[in-house]
Amino acid sequence: QVQLVESGGGLVQAGDSLRLSCAASGRTFSSYHAGWFRQAPGKDRELVAISWSGGNTYYADSVKGRFTISRDNAKNTMYLQMNSLKPEDTAVYYCAADRKGPSVVAGKYDYWGQGTQVTVSS
């Protein structure tokens, strides 16, 4: 089992940058597939980026080229560097992890953090 805690959200202006962190408990975080999802008011939770345990990454088209997912397995921490933020990036951002096969589907992830709010003003 793993527990996840996000941090780093906030209120920024369009064009600014933020870095989100997801701290994981336990010693085996490196064996988990992990990713970032987001949910805006009135919308479904959607994929942002995935970092699979083998090192591959995957990004939603909407953030490709602007966001970067990374992991520091020694610190049991995953990051999401968000550059060139847009108002449409406003959402609660969640980190998720799972040890089953890699997936871009939120429902396939068993472990979730509590979320951190990102608000981008125009």
N, C-alpha and C. Protein backbone atom coordinates (compact mmCIF):
# COMPACT_ATOMS: atom_id res chain seq x y z
N GLN A 1 0.84 -1.17 0.00
CA GLN A 1 0.00 0.00 0.00
C GLN A 1 0.89 1.24 0.00
N VAL A 2 0.38 2.33 -0.54
CA VAL A 2 1.13 3.57 -0.58
C VAL A 2 0.18 4.73 -0.28
N GLN A 3 0.67 5.72 0.45
CA GLN A 3 -0.10 6.93 0.71
C GLN A 3 0.56 8.09 -0.02
N LEU A 4 -0.27 8.95 -0.60
CA LEU A 4 0.22 10.02 -1.45
C LEU A 4 -0.24 11.37 -0.92
N VAL A 5 0.65 12.34 -0.92
CA VAL A 5 0.32 13.69 -0.45
C VAL A 5 0.85 14.70 -1.46
N GLU A 6 -0.08 15.46 -2.05
CA GLU A 6 0.31 16.47 -3.03
C GLU A 6 0.57 17.81 -2.33
N SER A 7 1.39 18.63 -2.98
CA SER A 7 1.63 20.00 -2.52
C SER A 7 2.09 20.82 -3.71
N GLY A 8 2.08 22.15 -3.52
CA GLY A 8 2.62 23.02 -4.55
C GLY A 8 1.61 23.81 -5.37
N GLY A 9 0.32 23.54 -5.14
CA GLY A 9 -0.68 24.28 -5.89
C GLY A 9 -0.75 25.74 -5.45
N GLY A 10 -1.53 26.52 -6.19
CA GLY A 10 -1.67 27.92 -5.83
C GLY A 10 -2.36 28.71 -6.91
N LEU A 11 -2.38 30.02 -6.71
CA LEU A 11 -2.99 30.95 -7.66
C LEU A 11 -1.88 31.66 -8.42
N VAL A 12 -1.89 31.55 -9.73
CA VAL A 12 -0.89 32.18 -10.57
C VAL A 12 -1.57 32.86 -11.75
N GLN A 13 -0.78 33.63 -12.49
CA GLN A 13 -1.29 34.27 -13.68
C GLN A 13 -0.95 33.45 -14.91
N ALA A 14 -1.69 33.67 -15.96
CA ALA A 14 -1.42 32.98 -17.22
C ALA A 14 0.03 33.25 -17.65
N GLY A 15 0.70 32.18 -18.08
CA GLY A 15 2.09 32.28 -18.48
C GLY A 15 3.08 31.94 -17.40
N ASP A 16 2.61 31.89 -16.15
CA ASP A 16 3.49 31.56 -15.03
C ASP A 16 3.76 30.06 -14.98
N SER A 17 4.61 29.70 -14.02
CA SER A 17 4.97 28.29 -13.80
C SER A 17 4.66 27.89 -12.37
N LEU A 18 4.44 26.60 -12.19
CA LEU A 18 4.27 26.00 -10.87
C LEU A 18 4.89 24.61 -10.91
N ARG A 19 5.36 24.14 -9.76
CA ARG A 19 5.79 22.76 -9.66
C ARG A 19 5.01 22.08 -8.54
N LEU A 20 4.33 21.03 -8.92
CA LEU A 20 3.60 20.21 -7.95
C LEU A 20 4.49 19.06 -7.50
N SER A 21 4.31 18.68 -6.24
CA SER A 21 5.02 17.53 -5.69
C SER A 21 4.02 16.51 -5.16
N CYS A 22 4.40 15.26 -5.24
CA CYS A 22 3.60 14.17 -4.69
C CYS A 22 4.53 13.29 -3.88
N ALA A 23 4.40 13.36 -2.56
CA ALA A 23 5.24 12.57 -1.68
C ALA A 23 4.55 11.25 -1.37
N ALA A 24 5.26 10.15 -1.54
CA ALA A 24 4.71 8.82 -1.32
C ALA A 24 5.33 8.17 -0.10
N SER A 25 4.49 7.47 0.65
CA SER A 25 5.00 6.70 1.77
C SER A 25 5.50 5.35 1.26
N GLY A 26 6.23 4.64 2.08
CA GLY A 26 6.67 3.32 1.70
C GLY A 26 7.99 3.34 0.95
N ARG A 27 8.58 2.16 0.83
CA ARG A 27 9.91 2.05 0.25
C ARG A 27 9.90 1.59 -1.19
N THR A 28 8.74 1.25 -1.72
CA THR A 28 8.70 0.63 -3.03
C THR A 28 8.02 1.50 -4.07
N PHE A 29 8.04 2.82 -3.88
CA PHE A 29 7.36 3.71 -4.82
C PHE A 29 7.90 3.53 -6.22
N SER A 30 9.17 3.17 -6.35
CA SER A 30 9.77 3.03 -7.66
C SER A 30 9.10 1.91 -8.47
N SER A 31 8.44 0.98 -7.78
CA SER A 31 7.80 -0.13 -8.48
C SER A 31 6.37 0.20 -8.90
N TYR A 32 5.89 1.40 -8.54
CA TYR A 32 4.55 1.81 -8.90
C TYR A 32 4.53 2.63 -10.18
N HIS A 33 3.52 2.39 -10.97
CA HIS A 33 3.20 3.34 -12.03
C HIS A 33 2.50 4.52 -11.36
N ALA A 34 2.82 5.74 -11.75
CA ALA A 34 2.26 6.90 -11.06
C ALA A 34 1.98 8.01 -12.07
N GLY A 35 1.05 8.86 -11.71
CA GLY A 35 0.72 9.93 -12.63
C GLY A 35 -0.05 11.06 -11.99
N TRP A 36 -0.32 12.03 -12.80
CA TRP A 36 -1.10 13.20 -12.40
C TRP A 36 -2.39 13.25 -13.21
N PHE A 37 -3.46 13.51 -12.50
CA PHE A 37 -4.76 13.72 -13.12
C PHE A 37 -5.29 15.05 -12.61
N ARG A 38 -6.29 15.60 -13.27
CA ARG A 38 -6.88 16.84 -12.80
C ARG A 38 -8.39 16.82 -13.03
N GLN A 39 -9.07 17.61 -12.21
CA GLN A 39 -10.52 17.70 -12.33
C GLN A 39 -10.96 19.15 -12.14
N ALA A 40 -11.56 19.69 -13.17
CA ALA A 40 -12.12 21.04 -13.11
C ALA A 40 -13.59 20.95 -12.69
N PRO A 41 -14.13 22.03 -12.13
CA PRO A 41 -15.54 22.00 -11.69
C PRO A 41 -16.47 21.59 -12.83
N GLY A 42 -17.33 20.64 -12.54
CA GLY A 42 -18.31 20.20 -13.52
C GLY A 42 -17.77 19.29 -14.61
N LYS A 43 -16.51 18.93 -14.49
CA LYS A 43 -15.91 18.07 -15.52
C LYS A 43 -15.40 16.77 -14.92
N ASP A 44 -15.19 15.80 -15.78
CA ASP A 44 -14.64 14.52 -15.33
C ASP A 44 -13.15 14.65 -15.03
N ARG A 45 -12.67 13.75 -14.20
CA ARG A 45 -11.23 13.71 -13.93
C ARG A 45 -10.51 13.28 -15.21
N GLU A 46 -9.44 13.98 -15.55
CA GLU A 46 -8.74 13.69 -16.80
C GLU A 46 -7.25 13.50 -16.56
N LEU A 47 -6.66 12.73 -17.45
CA LEU A 47 -5.23 12.47 -17.40
C LEU A 47 -4.44 13.73 -17.71
N VAL A 48 -3.37 13.94 -16.98
CA VAL A 48 -2.40 14.98 -17.30
C VAL A 48 -1.12 14.33 -17.82
N ALA A 49 -0.52 13.49 -16.99
CA ALA A 49 0.75 12.85 -17.37
C ALA A 49 0.94 11.59 -16.53
N ILE A 50 1.65 10.64 -17.11
CA ILE A 50 1.92 9.37 -16.44
C ILE A 50 3.42 9.10 -16.47
N SER A 51 3.93 8.58 -15.37
CA SER A 51 5.32 8.10 -15.31
C SER A 51 5.27 6.64 -14.92
N TRP A 52 5.56 5.78 -15.88
CA TRP A 52 5.50 4.37 -15.58
C TRP A 52 6.75 3.89 -14.88
N SER A 53 6.65 2.81 -14.16
CA SER A 53 7.76 2.35 -13.33
C SER A 53 9.00 2.07 -14.16
N GLY A 54 8.82 1.72 -15.42
CA GLY A 54 9.97 1.42 -16.27
C GLY A 54 10.66 2.65 -16.82
N GLY A 55 10.06 3.83 -16.57
CA GLY A 55 10.71 5.07 -16.98
C GLY A 55 10.01 5.81 -18.11
N ASN A 56 9.12 5.13 -18.81
CA ASN A 56 8.41 5.82 -19.89
C ASN A 56 7.45 6.86 -19.32
N THR A 57 7.16 7.85 -20.13
CA THR A 57 6.20 8.89 -19.74
C THR A 57 5.17 9.07 -20.85
N TYR A 58 4.05 9.65 -20.45
CA TYR A 58 2.95 9.88 -21.40
C TYR A 58 2.26 11.17 -20.98
N TYR A 59 1.92 11.99 -21.95
CA TYR A 59 1.28 13.27 -21.66
C TYR A 59 -0.01 13.42 -22.45
N ALA A 60 -0.96 14.08 -21.83
CA ALA A 60 -2.15 14.48 -22.56
C ALA A 60 -1.75 15.52 -23.60
N ASP A 61 -2.44 15.51 -24.72
CA ASP A 61 -2.10 16.47 -25.78
C ASP A 61 -2.18 17.91 -25.30
N SER A 62 -3.10 18.18 -24.39
CA SER A 62 -3.33 19.54 -23.94
C SER A 62 -2.16 20.12 -23.14
N VAL A 63 -1.29 19.25 -22.62
CA VAL A 63 -0.17 19.75 -21.80
C VAL A 63 1.19 19.43 -22.41
N LYS A 64 1.18 18.68 -23.49
CA LYS A 64 2.45 18.27 -24.11
C LYS A 64 3.26 19.51 -24.50
N GLY A 65 4.53 19.49 -24.13
CA GLY A 65 5.40 20.62 -24.43
C GLY A 65 5.40 21.70 -23.37
N ARG A 66 4.44 21.66 -22.45
CA ARG A 66 4.36 22.66 -21.38
C ARG A 66 4.62 22.04 -20.00
N PHE A 67 4.19 20.81 -19.80
CA PHE A 67 4.31 20.14 -18.51
C PHE A 67 5.36 19.04 -18.62
N THR A 68 6.05 18.80 -17.51
CA THR A 68 7.02 17.72 -17.43
C THR A 68 6.83 16.95 -16.14
N ILE A 69 6.67 15.63 -16.27
CA ILE A 69 6.55 14.75 -15.12
C ILE A 69 7.91 14.13 -14.84
N SER A 70 8.24 14.03 -13.56
CA SER A 70 9.51 13.41 -13.18
C SER A 70 9.36 12.75 -11.83
N ARG A 71 10.29 11.87 -11.53
CA ARG A 71 10.27 11.15 -10.26
C ARG A 71 11.66 11.14 -9.67
N ASP A 72 11.71 11.26 -8.37
CA ASP A 72 12.95 11.05 -7.61
C ASP A 72 12.66 9.87 -6.69
N ASN A 73 13.00 8.68 -7.14
CA ASN A 73 12.64 7.49 -6.38
C ASN A 73 13.39 7.41 -5.05
N ALA A 74 14.55 8.02 -4.98
CA ALA A 74 15.29 8.03 -3.72
C ALA A 74 14.54 8.82 -2.65
N LYS A 75 13.78 9.82 -3.10
CA LYS A 75 12.98 10.64 -2.17
C LYS A 75 11.52 10.22 -2.15
N ASN A 76 11.18 9.17 -2.91
CA ASN A 76 9.79 8.73 -2.99
C ASN A 76 8.87 9.89 -3.38
N THR A 77 9.28 10.68 -4.33
CA THR A 77 8.53 11.87 -4.70
C THR A 77 8.41 11.97 -6.22
N MET A 78 7.24 12.38 -6.64
CA MET A 78 6.98 12.63 -8.06
C MET A 78 6.66 14.11 -8.23
N TYR A 79 7.04 14.67 -9.35
CA TYR A 79 6.84 16.10 -9.59
C TYR A 79 6.08 16.32 -10.89
N LEU A 80 5.45 17.48 -10.97
CA LEU A 80 4.86 17.94 -12.22
C LEU A 80 5.27 19.40 -12.39
N GLN A 81 6.19 19.64 -13.30
CA GLN A 81 6.59 21.00 -13.62
C GLN A 81 5.64 21.53 -14.67
N MET A 82 4.98 22.63 -14.36
CA MET A 82 3.97 23.18 -15.25
C MET A 82 4.42 24.57 -15.68
N ASN A 83 4.68 24.72 -16.96
CA ASN A 83 5.11 26.00 -17.52
C ASN A 83 4.04 26.54 -18.45
N SER A 84 4.12 27.82 -18.73
CA SER A 84 3.19 28.47 -19.67
C SER A 84 1.75 28.14 -19.31
N LEU A 85 1.41 28.30 -18.06
CA LEU A 85 0.07 27.92 -17.60
C LEU A 85 -1.01 28.77 -18.26
N LYS A 86 -2.14 28.13 -18.48
CA LYS A 86 -3.29 28.76 -19.12
C LYS A 86 -4.48 28.70 -18.17
N PRO A 87 -5.44 29.60 -18.33
CA PRO A 87 -6.64 29.53 -17.48
C PRO A 87 -7.34 28.17 -17.54
N GLU A 88 -7.29 27.52 -18.67
CA GLU A 88 -7.93 26.21 -18.80
C GLU A 88 -7.20 25.11 -18.05
N ASP A 89 -6.04 25.41 -17.49
CA ASP A 89 -5.33 24.44 -16.64
C ASP A 89 -5.87 24.48 -15.20
N THR A 90 -6.76 25.40 -14.91
CA THR A 90 -7.34 25.51 -13.57
C THR A 90 -8.11 24.25 -13.21
N ALA A 91 -7.74 23.63 -12.11
CA ALA A 91 -8.35 22.37 -11.67
C ALA A 91 -7.74 21.96 -10.34
N VAL A 92 -8.33 20.94 -9.74
CA VAL A 92 -7.68 20.24 -8.64
C VAL A 92 -6.82 19.15 -9.26
N TYR A 93 -5.58 19.13 -8.88
CA TYR A 93 -4.62 18.17 -9.42
C TYR A 93 -4.39 17.06 -8.39
N TYR A 94 -4.48 15.82 -8.87
CA TYR A 94 -4.32 14.65 -8.03
C TYR A 94 -3.16 13.80 -8.52
N CYS A 95 -2.40 13.25 -7.60
CA CYS A 95 -1.46 12.21 -8.00
C CYS A 95 -2.07 10.85 -7.68
N ALA A 96 -1.68 9.87 -8.47
CA ALA A 96 -2.23 8.53 -8.33
C ALA A 96 -1.12 7.51 -8.58
N ALA A 97 -1.29 6.34 -8.00
CA ALA A 97 -0.29 5.30 -8.17
C ALA A 97 -0.95 3.94 -8.19
N ASP A 98 -0.30 3.00 -8.84
CA ASP A 98 -0.80 1.65 -8.89
C ASP A 98 0.32 0.70 -9.31
N ARG A 99 0.18 -0.56 -8.93
CA ARG A 99 1.20 -1.54 -9.30
C ARG A 99 0.73 -2.49 -10.39
N LYS A 100 -0.52 -2.32 -10.83
CA LYS A 100 -0.99 -3.14 -11.93
C LYS A 100 -0.40 -2.59 -13.22
N GLY A 101 -0.78 -3.13 -14.31
CA GLY A 101 -0.23 -2.70 -15.59
C GLY A 101 -0.43 -1.23 -15.85
N PRO A 102 0.45 -0.58 -16.59
CA PRO A 102 0.35 0.86 -16.85
C PRO A 102 -0.97 1.19 -17.55
N SER A 103 -1.56 2.32 -17.16
CA SER A 103 -2.83 2.71 -17.74
C SER A 103 -2.96 4.22 -17.76
N VAL A 104 -3.72 4.72 -18.74
CA VAL A 104 -4.04 6.14 -18.80
C VAL A 104 -5.44 6.41 -18.26
N VAL A 105 -6.07 5.37 -17.73
CA VAL A 105 -7.43 5.47 -17.23
C VAL A 105 -7.42 5.69 -15.73
N ALA A 106 -8.06 6.74 -15.27
CA ALA A 106 -8.05 7.07 -13.85
C ALA A 106 -8.60 5.94 -12.99
N GLY A 107 -9.62 5.28 -13.48
CA GLY A 107 -10.26 4.23 -12.70
C GLY A 107 -9.39 3.02 -12.44
N LYS A 108 -8.29 2.93 -13.14
CA LYS A 108 -7.39 1.80 -12.95
C LYS A 108 -6.42 2.01 -11.79
N TYR A 109 -6.39 3.20 -11.23
CA TYR A 109 -5.44 3.52 -10.16
C TYR A 109 -6.10 3.35 -8.81
N ASP A 110 -5.43 2.62 -7.93
CA ASP A 110 -6.00 2.31 -6.62
C ASP A 110 -5.68 3.36 -5.56
N TYR A 111 -4.57 4.07 -5.72
CA TYR A 111 -4.12 4.97 -4.66
C TYR A 111 -4.12 6.41 -5.16
N TRP A 112 -4.69 7.28 -4.34
CA TRP A 112 -4.86 8.68 -4.72
C TRP A 112 -4.47 9.60 -3.56
N GLY A 113 -3.95 10.77 -3.92
CA GLY A 113 -3.76 11.82 -2.93
C GLY A 113 -5.04 12.62 -2.76
N GLN A 114 -4.97 13.63 -1.89
CA GLN A 114 -6.15 14.42 -1.57
C GLN A 114 -6.39 15.54 -2.56
N GLY A 115 -5.40 15.84 -3.39
CA GLY A 115 -5.53 16.87 -4.40
C GLY A 115 -4.97 18.21 -3.96
N THR A 116 -4.54 19.01 -4.92
CA THR A 116 -4.06 20.36 -4.66
C THR A 116 -4.63 21.28 -5.74
N GLN A 117 -5.14 22.43 -5.32
CA GLN A 117 -5.82 23.34 -6.24
C GLN A 117 -4.80 24.18 -7.02
N VAL A 118 -5.00 24.22 -8.32
CA VAL A 118 -4.23 25.12 -9.18
C VAL A 118 -5.23 26.05 -9.86
N THR A 119 -5.02 27.35 -9.68
CA THR A 119 -5.89 28.34 -10.30
C THR A 119 -5.04 29.29 -11.13
N VAL A 120 -5.40 29.42 -12.40
CA VAL A 120 -4.65 30.27 -13.31
C VAL A 120 -5.56 31.40 -13.77
N SER A 121 -5.20 32.61 -13.44
CA SER A 121 -6.01 33.76 -13.82
C SER A 121 -5.52 34.33 -15.15
N SER A 122 -6.45 34.92 -15.88
CA SER A 122 -6.11 35.46 -17.21
C SER A 122 -5.67 36.90 -17.11
